[in-house]
Amino acid sequence: MDWEAYDYRPKRPKEPQPWLKWQVPKEQCLGYITNIFMFIIFVPGLLGFALTPIGIALQILVIDYFMWIRYKMTLND
């Protein structure tokens, strides 16, 4: 048996980049933009809210963080 050719050890789980360095994967790009639009423009407009620039920036940070957590949880499935 050629021991150098076959590695039977279990593979390490994939680790995503830290939140501040992560980039949205190409296959999730449309869903990411849709979620940002929905939570920044559609839902506040539907409820009659007007967001300030700081409110929009904070909301983008929170949405991005939760989408990174969701991506991290589904990465090794």
N, C-alpha and C. Protein backbone atom coordinates (compact mmCIF):
# COMPACT_ATOMS: atom_id res chain seq x y z
N MET A 1 0.85 -1.18 0.00
CA MET A 1 0.00 0.00 0.00
C MET A 1 0.89 1.24 0.00
N ASP A 2 0.53 2.20 -0.78
CA ASP A 2 1.30 3.43 -0.89
C ASP A 2 0.81 4.42 0.16
N TRP A 3 1.53 4.53 1.25
CA TRP A 3 1.08 5.35 2.39
C TRP A 3 1.12 6.84 2.08
N GLU A 4 1.94 7.25 1.19
CA GLU A 4 2.05 8.67 0.89
C GLU A 4 0.96 9.15 -0.05
N ALA A 5 0.29 8.27 -0.73
CA ALA A 5 -0.72 8.69 -1.70
C ALA A 5 -2.11 8.80 -1.09
N TYR A 6 -2.39 8.05 -0.05
CA TYR A 6 -3.73 8.03 0.53
C TYR A 6 -3.70 8.63 1.94
N ASP A 7 -4.54 9.58 2.16
CA ASP A 7 -4.64 10.20 3.48
C ASP A 7 -6.01 9.86 4.05
N TYR A 8 -6.03 8.95 5.03
CA TYR A 8 -7.29 8.49 5.60
C TYR A 8 -7.73 9.30 6.81
N ARG A 9 -6.96 10.31 7.16
CA ARG A 9 -7.35 11.13 8.30
C ARG A 9 -8.58 11.96 7.95
N PRO A 10 -9.43 12.23 8.94
CA PRO A 10 -10.60 13.06 8.63
C PRO A 10 -10.17 14.48 8.25
N LYS A 11 -10.89 15.04 7.32
CA LYS A 11 -10.59 16.39 6.86
C LYS A 11 -10.98 17.41 7.91
N ARG A 12 -10.22 18.47 8.01
CA ARG A 12 -10.55 19.55 8.94
C ARG A 12 -11.77 20.31 8.40
N PRO A 13 -12.64 20.75 9.28
CA PRO A 13 -13.79 21.52 8.81
C PRO A 13 -13.34 22.85 8.22
N LYS A 14 -14.09 23.31 7.23
CA LYS A 14 -13.77 24.58 6.60
C LYS A 14 -14.05 25.71 7.59
N GLU A 15 -13.14 26.63 7.65
CA GLU A 15 -13.28 27.79 8.53
C GLU A 15 -13.45 29.03 7.67
N PRO A 16 -14.51 29.79 7.88
CA PRO A 16 -14.65 31.02 7.10
C PRO A 16 -13.70 32.09 7.62
N GLN A 17 -13.55 33.11 6.83
CA GLN A 17 -12.74 34.24 7.26
C GLN A 17 -13.43 34.94 8.42
N PRO A 18 -12.69 35.72 9.21
CA PRO A 18 -13.35 36.50 10.26
C PRO A 18 -14.38 37.45 9.66
N TRP A 19 -15.31 37.88 10.47
CA TRP A 19 -16.43 38.68 9.98
C TRP A 19 -15.98 39.94 9.26
N LEU A 20 -14.97 40.62 9.77
CA LEU A 20 -14.54 41.87 9.15
C LEU A 20 -13.83 41.67 7.81
N LYS A 21 -13.41 40.44 7.50
CA LYS A 21 -12.69 40.18 6.25
C LYS A 21 -13.49 39.34 5.26
N TRP A 22 -14.69 38.92 5.62
CA TRP A 22 -15.40 37.98 4.76
C TRP A 22 -15.98 38.69 3.55
N GLN A 23 -16.10 37.95 2.46
CA GLN A 23 -16.72 38.41 1.23
C GLN A 23 -17.87 37.48 0.92
N VAL A 24 -18.93 38.03 0.39
CA VAL A 24 -20.09 37.22 0.05
C VAL A 24 -19.73 36.32 -1.13
N PRO A 25 -19.96 35.00 -1.02
CA PRO A 25 -19.67 34.11 -2.14
C PRO A 25 -20.55 34.44 -3.35
N LYS A 26 -20.06 34.11 -4.53
CA LYS A 26 -20.77 34.43 -5.77
C LYS A 26 -22.16 33.82 -5.81
N GLU A 27 -22.29 32.59 -5.31
CA GLU A 27 -23.59 31.92 -5.39
C GLU A 27 -24.61 32.51 -4.42
N GLN A 28 -24.19 33.29 -3.44
CA GLN A 28 -25.12 33.90 -2.48
C GLN A 28 -25.30 35.39 -2.70
N CYS A 29 -24.74 35.93 -3.76
CA CYS A 29 -24.74 37.37 -3.98
C CYS A 29 -26.15 37.93 -4.16
N LEU A 30 -26.97 37.29 -4.96
CA LEU A 30 -28.32 37.80 -5.20
C LEU A 30 -29.16 37.77 -3.93
N GLY A 31 -29.06 36.71 -3.15
CA GLY A 31 -29.79 36.63 -1.89
C GLY A 31 -29.33 37.68 -0.89
N TYR A 32 -28.02 37.96 -0.89
CA TYR A 32 -27.47 38.98 0.01
C TYR A 32 -28.04 40.36 -0.34
N ILE A 33 -28.01 40.70 -1.62
CA ILE A 33 -28.53 42.01 -2.05
C ILE A 33 -30.03 42.10 -1.80
N THR A 34 -30.75 41.00 -2.02
CA THR A 34 -32.20 40.99 -1.76
C THR A 34 -32.48 41.22 -0.28
N ASN A 35 -31.75 40.55 0.59
CA ASN A 35 -31.96 40.74 2.04
C ASN A 35 -31.63 42.16 2.47
N ILE A 36 -30.54 42.71 1.97
CA ILE A 36 -30.18 44.09 2.32
C ILE A 36 -31.29 45.04 1.87
N PHE A 37 -31.76 44.90 0.64
CA PHE A 37 -32.83 45.77 0.14
C PHE A 37 -34.10 45.61 0.97
N MET A 38 -34.44 44.37 1.28
CA MET A 38 -35.67 44.12 2.01
C MET A 38 -35.62 44.73 3.41
N PHE A 39 -34.52 44.55 4.12
CA PHE A 39 -34.45 45.03 5.50
C PHE A 39 -34.09 46.51 5.62
N ILE A 40 -33.52 47.11 4.59
CA ILE A 40 -33.16 48.52 4.64
C ILE A 40 -34.25 49.41 4.05
N ILE A 41 -34.90 48.98 2.99
CA ILE A 41 -35.85 49.83 2.29
C ILE A 41 -37.29 49.34 2.45
N PHE A 42 -37.53 48.07 2.16
CA PHE A 42 -38.90 47.57 2.07
C PHE A 42 -39.60 47.50 3.42
N VAL A 43 -39.01 46.83 4.39
CA VAL A 43 -39.67 46.65 5.70
C VAL A 43 -39.87 47.98 6.42
N PRO A 44 -38.86 48.86 6.52
CA PRO A 44 -39.13 50.15 7.17
C PRO A 44 -40.16 50.99 6.41
N GLY A 45 -40.14 50.93 5.08
CA GLY A 45 -41.15 51.66 4.30
C GLY A 45 -42.54 51.10 4.50
N LEU A 46 -42.63 49.80 4.62
CA LEU A 46 -43.92 49.16 4.85
C LEU A 46 -44.49 49.54 6.21
N LEU A 47 -43.61 49.69 7.19
CA LEU A 47 -44.05 50.06 8.54
C LEU A 47 -44.13 51.57 8.75
N GLY A 48 -43.72 52.36 7.77
CA GLY A 48 -43.82 53.81 7.87
C GLY A 48 -42.66 54.47 8.57
N PHE A 49 -41.51 53.80 8.64
CA PHE A 49 -40.33 54.38 9.28
C PHE A 49 -39.46 55.08 8.24
N ALA A 50 -38.76 56.09 8.68
CA ALA A 50 -37.74 56.74 7.86
C ALA A 50 -36.41 56.60 8.59
N LEU A 51 -35.47 55.93 7.96
CA LEU A 51 -34.18 55.68 8.61
C LEU A 51 -33.21 56.83 8.36
N THR A 52 -32.43 57.14 9.36
CA THR A 52 -31.37 58.13 9.22
C THR A 52 -30.14 57.45 8.63
N PRO A 53 -29.16 58.21 8.15
CA PRO A 53 -27.95 57.57 7.61
C PRO A 53 -27.23 56.68 8.62
N ILE A 54 -27.19 57.11 9.88
CA ILE A 54 -26.55 56.27 10.91
C ILE A 54 -27.38 55.01 11.14
N GLY A 55 -28.69 55.14 11.12
CA GLY A 55 -29.56 53.97 11.28
C GLY A 55 -29.37 52.97 10.15
N ILE A 56 -29.22 53.47 8.93
CA ILE A 56 -28.99 52.59 7.78
C ILE A 56 -27.64 51.88 7.92
N ALA A 57 -26.61 52.63 8.32
CA ALA A 57 -25.27 52.03 8.48
C ALA A 57 -25.27 50.96 9.56
N LEU A 58 -25.89 51.23 10.69
CA LEU A 58 -25.95 50.24 11.76
C LEU A 58 -26.76 49.01 11.34
N GLN A 59 -27.83 49.25 10.62
CA GLN A 59 -28.65 48.14 10.16
C GLN A 59 -27.89 47.27 9.16
N ILE A 60 -27.12 47.88 8.29
CA ILE A 60 -26.30 47.11 7.34
C ILE A 60 -25.28 46.26 8.10
N LEU A 61 -24.65 46.83 9.12
CA LEU A 61 -23.68 46.06 9.91
C LEU A 61 -24.33 44.87 10.60
N VAL A 62 -25.50 45.08 11.18
CA VAL A 62 -26.19 44.00 11.89
C VAL A 62 -26.63 42.92 10.91
N ILE A 63 -27.20 43.31 9.78
CA ILE A 63 -27.65 42.34 8.78
C ILE A 63 -26.46 41.55 8.25
N ASP A 64 -25.36 42.24 7.96
CA ASP A 64 -24.16 41.57 7.45
C ASP A 64 -23.62 40.57 8.47
N TYR A 65 -23.62 40.95 9.74
CA TYR A 65 -23.13 40.05 10.78
C TYR A 65 -23.98 38.79 10.88
N PHE A 66 -25.30 38.94 10.85
CA PHE A 66 -26.16 37.77 10.95
C PHE A 66 -26.09 36.90 9.69
N MET A 67 -25.87 37.51 8.54
CA MET A 67 -25.71 36.71 7.32
C MET A 67 -24.38 35.95 7.36
N TRP A 68 -23.35 36.53 7.96
CA TRP A 68 -22.07 35.83 8.12
C TRP A 68 -22.24 34.64 9.06
N ILE A 69 -22.99 34.82 10.14
CA ILE A 69 -23.24 33.71 11.06
C ILE A 69 -24.00 32.59 10.35
N ARG A 70 -25.00 32.96 9.55
CA ARG A 70 -25.76 31.94 8.80
C ARG A 70 -24.85 31.23 7.80
N TYR A 71 -23.98 31.96 7.13
CA TYR A 71 -23.04 31.35 6.19
C TYR A 71 -22.08 30.41 6.91
N LYS A 72 -21.60 30.83 8.07
CA LYS A 72 -20.66 30.02 8.85
C LYS A 72 -21.31 28.72 9.31
N MET A 73 -22.59 28.77 9.67
CA MET A 73 -23.29 27.57 10.13
C MET A 73 -23.54 26.59 8.98
N THR A 74 -23.77 27.09 7.77
CA THR A 74 -24.07 26.21 6.64
C THR A 74 -22.82 25.81 5.86
N LEU A 75 -21.66 26.29 6.24
CA LEU A 75 -20.44 26.03 5.47
C LEU A 75 -20.06 24.55 5.50
N ASN A 76 -20.18 23.89 6.61
CA ASN A 76 -19.73 22.49 6.74
C ASN A 76 -20.87 21.48 6.64
N ASP A 77 -22.02 21.89 6.23
CA ASP A 77 -23.13 20.94 6.08
C ASP A 77 -23.03 20.16 4.80
